[in-house]
PDB file of N, CA and C in Angstrom:
ATOM      1  N   MET A   1     -28.104  67.978  -5.257  1.00  0.00           N
ATOM      2  CA  MET A   1     -27.246  67.570  -4.186  1.00  0.00           C
ATOM      3  C   MET A   1     -27.364  68.333  -3.168  1.00  0.00           C
ATOM      4  N   ASN A   2     -27.838  68.251  -2.039  1.00  0.00           N
ATOM      5  CA  ASN A   2     -28.021  69.052  -0.769  1.00  0.00           C
ATOM      6  C   ASN A   2     -27.143  68.751   0.161  1.00  0.00           C
ATOM      7  N   GLN A   3     -25.995  68.113  -0.020  1.00  0.00           N
ATOM      8  CA  GLN A   3     -25.021  67.665   0.918  1.00  0.00           C
ATOM      9  C   GLN A   3     -23.722  68.599   0.668  1.00  0.00           C
ATOM     10  N   LYS A   4     -23.080  69.218   1.655  1.00  0.00           N
ATOM     11  CA  LYS A   4     -21.922  69.819   1.350  1.00  0.00           C
ATOM     12  C   LYS A   4     -20.666  68.866   1.144  1.00  0.00           C
ATOM     13  N   LEU A   5     -20.004  69.059   0.176  1.00  0.00           N
ATOM     14  CA  LEU A   5     -18.816  68.196  -0.238  1.00  0.00           C
ATOM     15  C   LEU A   5     -17.570  68.913   0.410  1.00  0.00           C
ATOM     16  N   THR A   6     -16.984  68.462   1.464  1.00  0.00           N
ATOM     17  CA  THR A   6     -15.861  68.909   1.992  1.00  0.00           C
ATOM     18  C   THR A   6     -14.549  68.421   1.163  1.00  0.00           C
ATOM     19  N   ILE A   7     -13.392  69.108   1.247  1.00  0.00           N
ATOM     20  CA  ILE A   7     -12.141  68.891   0.385  1.00  0.00           C
ATOM     21  C   ILE A   7     -11.958  67.371   0.510  1.00  0.00           C
ATOM     22  N   SER A   8     -12.214  66.698   1.714  1.00  0.00           N
ATOM     23  CA  SER A   8     -11.769  65.406   1.956  1.00  0.00           C
ATOM     24  C   SER A   8     -12.866  64.530   1.107  1.00  0.00           C
ATOM     25  N   ILE A   9     -14.046  64.803   1.244  1.00  0.00           N
ATOM     26  CA  ILE A   9     -15.035  63.884   0.403  1.00  0.00           C
ATOM     27  C   ILE A   9     -14.676  64.124  -0.933  1.00  0.00           C
ATOM     28  N   GLN A  10     -14.437  65.404  -1.401  1.00  0.00           N
ATOM     29  CA  GLN A  10     -14.120  65.591  -2.998  1.00  0.00           C
ATOM     30  C   GLN A  10     -12.918  64.662  -3.266  1.00  0.00           C
ATOM     31  N   ASP A  11     -11.743  64.661  -2.308  1.00  0.00           N
ATOM     32  CA  ASP A  11     -10.632  63.637  -2.701  1.00  0.00           C
ATOM     33  C   ASP A  11     -11.178  62.313  -2.738  1.00  0.00           C
ATOM     34  N   TYR A  12     -11.903  61.946  -1.897  1.00  0.00           N
ATOM     35  CA  TYR A  12     -12.380  60.480  -1.891  1.00  0.00           C
ATOM     36  C   TYR A  12     -13.207  60.067  -3.248  1.00  0.00           C
ATOM     37  N   LEU A  13     -14.013  60.804  -3.516  1.00  0.00           N
ATOM     38  CA  LEU A  13     -14.845  60.732  -4.731  1.00  0.00           C
ATOM     39  C   LEU A  13     -14.064  60.696  -5.958  1.00  0.00           C
ATOM     40  N   LYS A  14     -13.146  61.706  -6.105  1.00  0.00           N
ATOM     41  CA  LYS A  14     -12.380  61.807  -7.353  1.00  0.00           C
ATOM     42  C   LYS A  14     -11.447  60.442  -7.351  1.00  0.00           C
ATOM     43  N   THR A  15     -10.949  59.948  -6.320  1.00  0.00           N
ATOM     44  CA  THR A  15      -9.974  58.927  -6.170  1.00  0.00           C
ATOM     45  C   THR A  15     -10.590  57.537  -6.443  1.00  0.00           C
ATOM     46  N   ILE A  16     -11.924  57.475  -5.970  1.00  0.00           N
ATOM     47  CA  ILE A  16     -12.828  56.263  -6.108  1.00  0.00           C
ATOM     48  C   ILE A  16     -13.059  56.188  -7.772  1.00  0.00           C
ATOM     49  N   TYR A  17     -13.371  57.369  -8.347  1.00  0.00           N
ATOM     50  CA  TYR A  17     -13.785  57.431  -9.525  1.00  0.00           C
ATOM     51  C   TYR A  17     -12.473  57.091 -10.518  1.00  0.00           C
ATOM     52  N   GLU A  18     -11.437  57.641 -10.141  1.00  0.00           N
ATOM     53  CA  GLU A  18     -10.268  57.004 -10.846  1.00  0.00           C
ATOM     54  C   GLU A  18      -9.915  55.590 -10.805  1.00  0.00           C
ATOM     55  N   LEU A  19     -10.044  55.156  -9.691  1.00  0.00           N
ATOM     56  CA  LEU A  19      -9.824  53.642  -9.434  1.00  0.00           C
ATOM     57  C   LEU A  19     -10.821  52.755  -9.946  1.00  0.00           C
ATOM     58  N   THR A  20     -12.090  53.339 -10.071  1.00  0.00           N
ATOM     59  CA  THR A  20     -13.143  52.394 -10.466  1.00  0.00           C
ATOM     60  C   THR A  20     -13.646  52.757 -12.253  1.00  0.00           C
ATOM     61  N   GLU A  21     -12.592  53.327 -12.877  1.00  0.00           N
ATOM     62  CA  GLU A  21     -13.012  53.597 -14.296  1.00  0.00           C
ATOM     63  C   GLU A  21     -13.291  52.613 -15.312  1.00  0.00           C
ATOM     64  N   ASN A  22     -12.606  51.436 -14.808  1.00  0.00           N
ATOM     65  CA  ASN A  22     -12.616  50.206 -15.460  1.00  0.00           C
ATOM     66  C   ASN A  22     -13.849  49.201 -15.073  1.00  0.00           C
ATOM     67  N   ASP A  23     -15.018  49.903 -14.371  1.00  0.00           N
ATOM     68  CA  ASP A  23     -15.958  48.884 -13.810  1.00  0.00           C
ATOM     69  C   ASP A  23     -15.528  47.976 -12.701  1.00  0.00           C
ATOM     70  N   GLU A  24     -14.385  48.385 -12.007  1.00  0.00           N
ATOM     71  CA  GLU A  24     -13.889  47.452 -10.889  1.00  0.00           C
ATOM     72  C   GLU A  24     -14.244  48.362  -9.673  1.00  0.00           C
ATOM     73  N   SER A  25     -14.296  47.557  -8.475  1.00  0.00           N
ATOM     74  CA  SER A  25     -14.401  48.301  -7.252  1.00  0.00           C
ATOM     75  C   SER A  25     -12.966  48.768  -6.767  1.00  0.00           C
ATOM     76  N   ALA A  26     -13.127  49.827  -5.873  1.00  0.00           N
ATOM     77  CA  ALA A  26     -11.770  50.205  -5.521  1.00  0.00           C
ATOM     78  C   ALA A  26     -11.788  49.496  -3.871  1.00  0.00           C
ATOM     79  N   THR A  27     -10.508  49.171  -3.554  1.00  0.00           N
ATOM     80  CA  THR A  27     -10.383  48.453  -2.368  1.00  0.00           C
ATOM     81  C   THR A  27      -9.897  49.575  -1.491  1.00  0.00           C
ATOM     82  N   THR A  28     -10.244  49.232  -0.152  1.00  0.00           N
ATOM     83  CA  THR A  28      -9.732  50.411   0.913  1.00  0.00           C
ATOM     84  C   THR A  28      -8.245  50.375   1.031  1.00  0.00           C
ATOM     85  N   ASN A  29      -7.584  49.340   0.659  1.00  0.00           N
ATOM     86  CA  ASN A  29      -6.131  49.495   0.956  1.00  0.00           C
ATOM     87  C   ASN A  29      -5.694  50.384  -0.513  1.00  0.00           C
ATOM     88  N   ALA A  30      -6.171  50.094  -1.721  1.00  0.00           N
ATOM     89  CA  ALA A  30      -5.967  51.015  -2.852  1.00  0.00           C
ATOM     90  C   ALA A  30      -6.210  52.500  -2.447  1.00  0.00           C
ATOM     91  N   LEU A  31      -7.442  52.767  -1.948  1.00  0.00           N
ATOM     92  CA  LEU A  31      -7.661  54.078  -1.535  1.00  0.00           C
ATOM     93  C   LEU A  31      -6.670  54.697  -0.528  1.00  0.00           C
ATOM     94  N   ALA A  32      -6.445  53.907   0.555  1.00  0.00           N
ATOM     95  CA  ALA A  32      -5.473  54.308   1.392  1.00  0.00           C
ATOM     96  C   ALA A  32      -4.089  54.691   0.949  1.00  0.00           C
ATOM     97  N   GLN A  33      -3.543  53.789   0.006  1.00  0.00           N
ATOM     98  CA  GLN A  33      -2.260  54.102  -0.640  1.00  0.00           C
ATOM     99  C   GLN A  33      -2.265  55.300  -1.367  1.00  0.00           C
ATOM    100  N   LYS A  34      -3.295  55.365  -2.236  1.00  0.00           N
ATOM    101  CA  LYS A  34      -3.675  56.506  -2.948  1.00  0.00           C
ATOM    102  C   LYS A  34      -3.792  57.923  -2.409  1.00  0.00           C
ATOM    103  N   LEU A  35      -4.464  57.798  -1.325  1.00  0.00           N
ATOM    104  CA  LEU A  35      -4.789  59.112  -0.565  1.00  0.00           C
ATOM    105  C   LEU A  35      -3.735  59.291   0.544  1.00  0.00           C
ATOM    106  N   ASN A  36      -2.699  58.299   0.784  1.00  0.00           N
ATOM    107  CA  ASN A  36      -1.700  58.355   1.790  1.00  0.00           C
ATOM    108  C   ASN A  36      -2.386  58.630   3.209  1.00  0.00           C
ATOM    109  N   ILE A  37      -3.417  57.742   3.391  1.00  0.00           N
ATOM    110  CA  ILE A  37      -4.180  57.694   4.641  1.00  0.00           C
ATOM    111  C   ILE A  37      -4.306  56.511   5.075  1.00  0.00           C
ATOM    112  N   SER A  38      -4.149  56.022   6.535  1.00  0.00           N
ATOM    113  CA  SER A  38      -4.573  54.801   7.019  1.00  0.00           C
ATOM    114  C   SER A  38      -5.913  53.995   6.505  1.00  0.00           C
ATOM    115  N   ALA A  39      -5.562  52.637   6.366  1.00  0.00           N
ATOM    116  CA  ALA A  39      -6.851  51.816   5.941  1.00  0.00           C
ATOM    117  C   ALA A  39      -8.237  51.967   6.837  1.00  0.00           C
ATOM    118  N   PRO A  40      -7.879  52.029   8.143  1.00  0.00           N
ATOM    119  CA  PRO A  40      -9.208  52.009   9.191  1.00  0.00           C
ATOM    120  C   PRO A  40      -9.754  53.477   8.771  1.00  0.00           C
ATOM    121  N   SER A  41      -9.108  54.657   8.544  1.00  0.00           N
ATOM    122  CA  SER A  41      -9.433  55.720   8.305  1.00  0.00           C
ATOM    123  C   SER A  41     -10.329  55.760   7.015  1.00  0.00           C
ATOM    124  N   VAL A  42      -9.830  55.167   5.877  1.00  0.00           N
ATOM    125  CA  VAL A  42     -10.687  55.215   4.787  1.00  0.00           C
ATOM    126  C   VAL A  42     -11.955  54.311   4.995  1.00  0.00           C
ATOM    127  N   THR A  43     -11.946  53.323   5.572  1.00  0.00           N
ATOM    128  CA  THR A  43     -13.055  52.609   5.956  1.00  0.00           C
ATOM    129  C   THR A  43     -13.986  53.397   6.757  1.00  0.00           C
ATOM    130  N   GLY A  44     -13.571  54.178   7.634  1.00  0.00           N
ATOM    131  CA  GLY A  44     -14.535  54.963   8.388  1.00  0.00           C
ATOM    132  C   GLY A  44     -15.337  56.184   7.600  1.00  0.00           C
ATOM    133  N   MET A  45     -14.366  56.743   6.642  1.00  0.00           N
ATOM    134  CA  MET A  45     -14.971  57.605   5.514  1.00  0.00           C
ATOM    135  C   MET A  45     -16.099  56.924   4.625  1.00  0.00           C
ATOM    136  N   ILE A  46     -15.612  55.826   4.070  1.00  0.00           N
ATOM    137  CA  ILE A  46     -16.514  55.164   3.196  1.00  0.00           C
ATOM    138  C   ILE A  46     -17.749  54.662   3.837  1.00  0.00           C
ATOM    139  N   GLN A  47     -17.616  54.313   5.088  1.00  0.00           N
ATOM    140  CA  GLN A  47     -19.059  54.010   5.694  1.00  0.00           C
ATOM    141  C   GLN A  47     -19.875  55.204   5.730  1.00  0.00           C
ATOM    142  N   LYS A  48     -19.203  56.279   6.194  1.00  0.00           N
ATOM    143  CA  LYS A  48     -20.023  57.620   6.222  1.00  0.00           C
ATOM    144  C   LYS A  48     -20.425  58.169   4.885  1.00  0.00           C
ATOM    145  N   LEU A  49     -19.830  57.931   3.898  1.00  0.00           N
ATOM    146  CA  LEU A  49     -20.371  58.192   2.517  1.00  0.00           C
ATOM    147  C   LEU A  49     -21.400  57.172   2.075  1.00  0.00           C
ATOM    148  N   ALA A  50     -21.257  55.912   2.554  1.00  0.00           N
ATOM    149  CA  ALA A  50     -22.406  55.001   2.327  1.00  0.00           C
ATOM    150  C   ALA A  50     -23.678  55.190   2.978  1.00  0.00           C
ATOM    151  N   SER A  51     -23.435  55.918   4.249  1.00  0.00           N
ATOM    152  CA  SER A  51     -24.777  56.002   4.953  1.00  0.00           C
ATOM    153  C   SER A  51     -25.471  57.447   4.923  1.00  0.00           C
ATOM    154  N   SER A  52     -24.672  58.371   4.110  1.00  0.00           N
ATOM    155  CA  SER A  52     -25.061  59.652   3.671  1.00  0.00           C
ATOM    156  C   SER A  52     -26.599  59.586   2.952  1.00  0.00           C
ATOM    157  N   LYS A  53     -27.320  60.773   2.924  1.00  0.00           N
ATOM    158  CA  LYS A  53     -28.475  60.872   2.184  1.00  0.00           C
ATOM    159  C   LYS A  53     -28.244  61.954   1.198  1.00  0.00           C
ATOM    160  N   PRO A  54     -28.216  61.746  -0.080  1.00  0.00           N
ATOM    161  CA  PRO A  54     -28.284  60.397  -0.703  1.00  0.00           C
ATOM    162  C   PRO A  54     -26.761  59.602  -0.546  1.00  0.00           C
ATOM    163  N   ALA A  55     -26.753  58.475  -0.734  1.00  0.00           N
ATOM    164  CA  ALA A  55     -25.518  57.643  -0.595  1.00  0.00           C
ATOM    165  C   ALA A  55     -24.722  58.151  -1.637  1.00  0.00           C
ATOM    166  N   LEU A  56     -23.593  58.213  -1.535  1.00  0.00           N
ATOM    167  CA  LEU A  56     -22.527  58.591  -2.409  1.00  0.00           C
ATOM    168  C   LEU A  56     -21.727  57.299  -2.916  1.00  0.00           C
ATOM    169  N   VAL A  57     -21.608  56.390  -2.105  1.00  0.00           N
ATOM    170  CA  VAL A  57     -20.923  54.992  -2.545  1.00  0.00           C
ATOM    171  C   VAL A  57     -21.585  53.848  -1.891  1.00  0.00           C
ATOM    172  N   GLU A  58     -21.433  52.705  -2.598  1.00  0.00           N
ATOM    173  CA  GLU A  58     -21.838  51.399  -2.298  1.00  0.00           C
ATOM    174  C   GLU A  58     -20.617  50.721  -1.688  1.00  0.00           C
ATOM    175  N   TYR A  59     -20.699  50.243  -0.398  1.00  0.00           N
ATOM    176  CA  TYR A  59     -19.623  49.495   0.054  1.00  0.00           C
ATOM    177  C   TYR A  59     -20.069  48.276   0.728  1.00  0.00           C
ATOM    178  N   GLN A  60     -19.112  47.244   0.434  1.00  0.00           N
ATOM    179  CA  GLN A  60     -19.413  45.818   0.900  1.00  0.00           C
ATOM    180  C   GLN A  60     -18.122  45.455   1.479  1.00  0.00           C
ATOM    181  N   LYS A  61     -18.045  45.106   2.710  1.00  0.00           N
ATOM    182  CA  LYS A  61     -16.846  44.520   3.382  1.00  0.00           C
ATOM    183  C   LYS A  61     -16.173  43.459   2.646  1.00  0.00           C
ATOM    184  N   HIS A  62     -15.036  43.684   2.391  1.00  0.00           N
ATOM    185  CA  HIS A  62     -13.950  42.770   1.622  1.00  0.00           C
ATOM    186  C   HIS A  62     -14.187  42.722   0.020  1.00  0.00           C
ATOM    187  N   GLN A  63     -15.135  43.497  -0.495  1.00  0.00           N
ATOM    188  CA  GLN A  63     -15.370  43.723  -1.734  1.00  0.00           C
ATOM    189  C   GLN A  63     -15.227  45.023  -2.302  1.00  0.00           C
ATOM    190  N   GLY A  64     -15.013  46.010  -1.598  1.00  0.00           N
ATOM    191  CA  GLY A  64     -14.543  47.299  -2.015  1.00  0.00           C
ATOM    192  C   GLY A  64     -15.624  48.081  -2.171  1.00  0.00           C
ATOM    193  N   VAL A  65     -15.424  49.320  -2.895  1.00  0.00           N
ATOM    194  CA  VAL A  65     -16.408  50.332  -2.975  1.00  0.00           C
ATOM    195  C   VAL A  65     -16.657  50.883  -4.322  1.00  0.00           C
ATOM    196  N   THR A  66     -17.838  51.362  -4.557  1.00  0.00           N
ATOM    197  CA  THR A  66     -18.062  51.785  -6.047  1.00  0.00           C
ATOM    198  C   THR A  66     -18.964  53.117  -5.888  1.00  0.00           C
ATOM    199  N   LEU A  67     -18.950  53.767  -6.721  1.00  0.00           N
ATOM    200  CA  LEU A  67     -19.841  55.093  -6.638  1.00  0.00           C
ATOM    201  C   LEU A  67     -21.218  54.856  -7.002  1.00  0.00           C
ATOM    202  N   THR A  68     -22.170  55.405  -6.281  1.00  0.00           N
ATOM    203  CA  THR A  68     -23.711  55.374  -6.811  1.00  0.00           C
ATOM    204  C   THR A  68     -23.704  56.366  -7.834  1.00  0.00           C
ATOM    205  N   LYS A  69     -25.011  56.343  -8.359  1.00  0.00           N
ATOM    206  CA  LYS A  69     -25.235  57.271  -9.431  1.00  0.00           C
ATOM    207  C   LYS A  69     -25.081  58.804  -8.747  1.00  0.00           C
ATOM    208  N   ASP A  70     -25.498  59.143  -7.742  1.00  0.00           N
ATOM    209  CA  ASP A  70     -25.107  60.332  -7.104  1.00  0.00           C
ATOM    210  C   ASP A  70     -23.745  60.688  -6.894  1.00  0.00           C
ATOM    211  N   GLY A  71     -23.132  59.804  -6.374  1.00  0.00           N
ATOM    212  CA  GLY A  71     -21.754  59.682  -6.203  1.00  0.00           C
ATOM    213  C   GLY A  71     -20.825  59.924  -7.451  1.00  0.00           C
ATOM    214  N   ARG A  72     -21.250  59.445  -8.468  1.00  0.00           N
ATOM    215  CA  ARG A  72     -20.527  59.413  -9.804  1.00  0.00           C
ATOM    216  C   ARG A  72     -20.791  60.875 -10.242  1.00  0.00           C
ATOM    217  N   LYS A  73     -22.026  61.323 -10.163  1.00  0.00           N
ATOM    218  CA  LYS A  73     -22.293  62.767 -10.667  1.00  0.00           C
ATOM    219  C   LYS A  73     -21.530  63.898  -9.711  1.00  0.00           C
ATOM    220  N   ALA A  74     -21.308  63.642  -8.555  1.00  0.00           N
ATOM    221  CA  ALA A  74     -20.476  64.286  -7.721  1.00  0.00           C
ATOM    222  C   ALA A  74     -19.148  64.284  -7.953  1.00  0.00           C
ATOM    223  N   ALA A  75     -18.634  63.251  -8.289  1.00  0.00           N
ATOM    224  CA  ALA A  75     -17.427  63.056  -8.729  1.00  0.00           C
ATOM    225  C   ALA A  75     -17.096  63.800  -9.865  1.00  0.00           C
ATOM    226  N   LEU A  76     -17.890  63.557 -11.013  1.00  0.00           N
ATOM    227  CA  LEU A  76     -17.481  64.224 -12.169  1.00  0.00           C
ATOM    228  C   LEU A  76     -17.642  65.901 -12.133  1.00  0.00           C
ATOM    229  N   GLU A  77     -18.617  66.214 -11.210  1.00  0.00           N
ATOM    230  CA  GLU A  77     -18.569  67.731 -10.955  1.00  0.00           C
ATOM    231  C   GLU A  77     -17.086  68.247 -10.409  1.00  0.00           C
ATOM    232  N   VAL A  78     -16.889  67.433  -9.424  1.00  0.00           N
ATOM    233  CA  VAL A  78     -15.514  67.796  -8.819  1.00  0.00           C
ATOM    234  C   VAL A  78     -14.473  67.651  -9.755  1.00  0.00           C
ATOM    235  N   ILE A  79     -14.355  66.695 -10.655  1.00  0.00           N
ATOM    236  CA  ILE A  79     -13.195  66.676 -11.533  1.00  0.00           C
ATOM    237  C   ILE A  79     -13.315  67.766 -12.671  1.00  0.00           C
ATOM    238  N   ARG A  80     -14.739  68.147 -13.186  1.00  0.00           N
ATOM    239  CA  ARG A  80     -14.662  69.078 -14.208  1.00  0.00           C
ATOM    240  C   ARG A  80     -14.164  70.426 -13.321  1.00  0.00           C
ATOM    241  N   HIS A  81     -14.806  70.776 -11.974  1.00  0.00           N
ATOM    242  CA  HIS A  81     -14.373  71.964 -11.405  1.00  0.00           C
ATOM    243  C   HIS A  81     -12.707  72.136 -11.374  1.00  0.00           C
ATOM    244  N   HIS A  82     -12.104  71.085 -10.932  1.00  0.00           N
ATOM    245  CA  HIS A  82     -10.663  71.083 -10.990  1.00  0.00           C
ATOM    246  C   HIS A  82      -9.945  71.277 -12.267  1.00  0.00           C
ATOM    247  N   ARG A  83     -10.659  70.814 -13.287  1.00  0.00           N
ATOM    248  CA  ARG A  83     -10.143  71.134 -14.643  1.00  0.00           C
ATOM    249  C   ARG A  83     -10.199  72.512 -14.949  1.00  0.00           C
ATOM    250  N   LEU A  84     -11.423  73.241 -14.853  1.00  0.00           N
ATOM    251  CA  LEU A  84     -11.536  74.316 -14.888  1.00  0.00           C
ATOM    252  C   LEU A  84     -10.631  75.280 -14.134  1.00  0.00           C
ATOM    253  N   ILE A  85     -10.290  74.985 -13.047  1.00  0.00           N
ATOM    254  CA  ILE A  85      -9.446  75.818 -12.129  1.00  0.00           C
ATOM    255  C   ILE A  85      -7.993  75.746 -12.778  1.00  0.00           C
ATOM    256  N   GLU A  86      -7.730  74.511 -13.122  1.00  0.00           N
ATOM    257  CA  GLU A  86      -6.310  74.271 -13.887  1.00  0.00           C
ATOM    258  C   GLU A  86      -6.089  75.174 -15.040  1.00  0.00           C
ATOM    259  N   THR A  87      -7.149  75.208 -15.789  1.00  0.00           N
ATOM    260  CA  THR A  87      -6.980  76.254 -17.264  1.00  0.00           C
ATOM    261  C   THR A  87      -7.283  77.627 -16.762  1.00  0.00           C
TER     262      THR A  87
END
């Protein structure tokens, strides 16, 4: 992964991972509520993550967002790192 993951991107990836653990897509409204951010801001970030190289999420308007293979890998690294810091 040659992309720098900002704190904000890490929060999005972690939250999307948590919301999609049951093979469902995360809606922008669910993300906005969980991250305490406006829905339009969430949509903007999701579009940014979907157009990044490599794409970290797959986004379809009105269908929600899911992590790509690279996005899932990055999310798991973030979660693992946070758990290590906690211990």
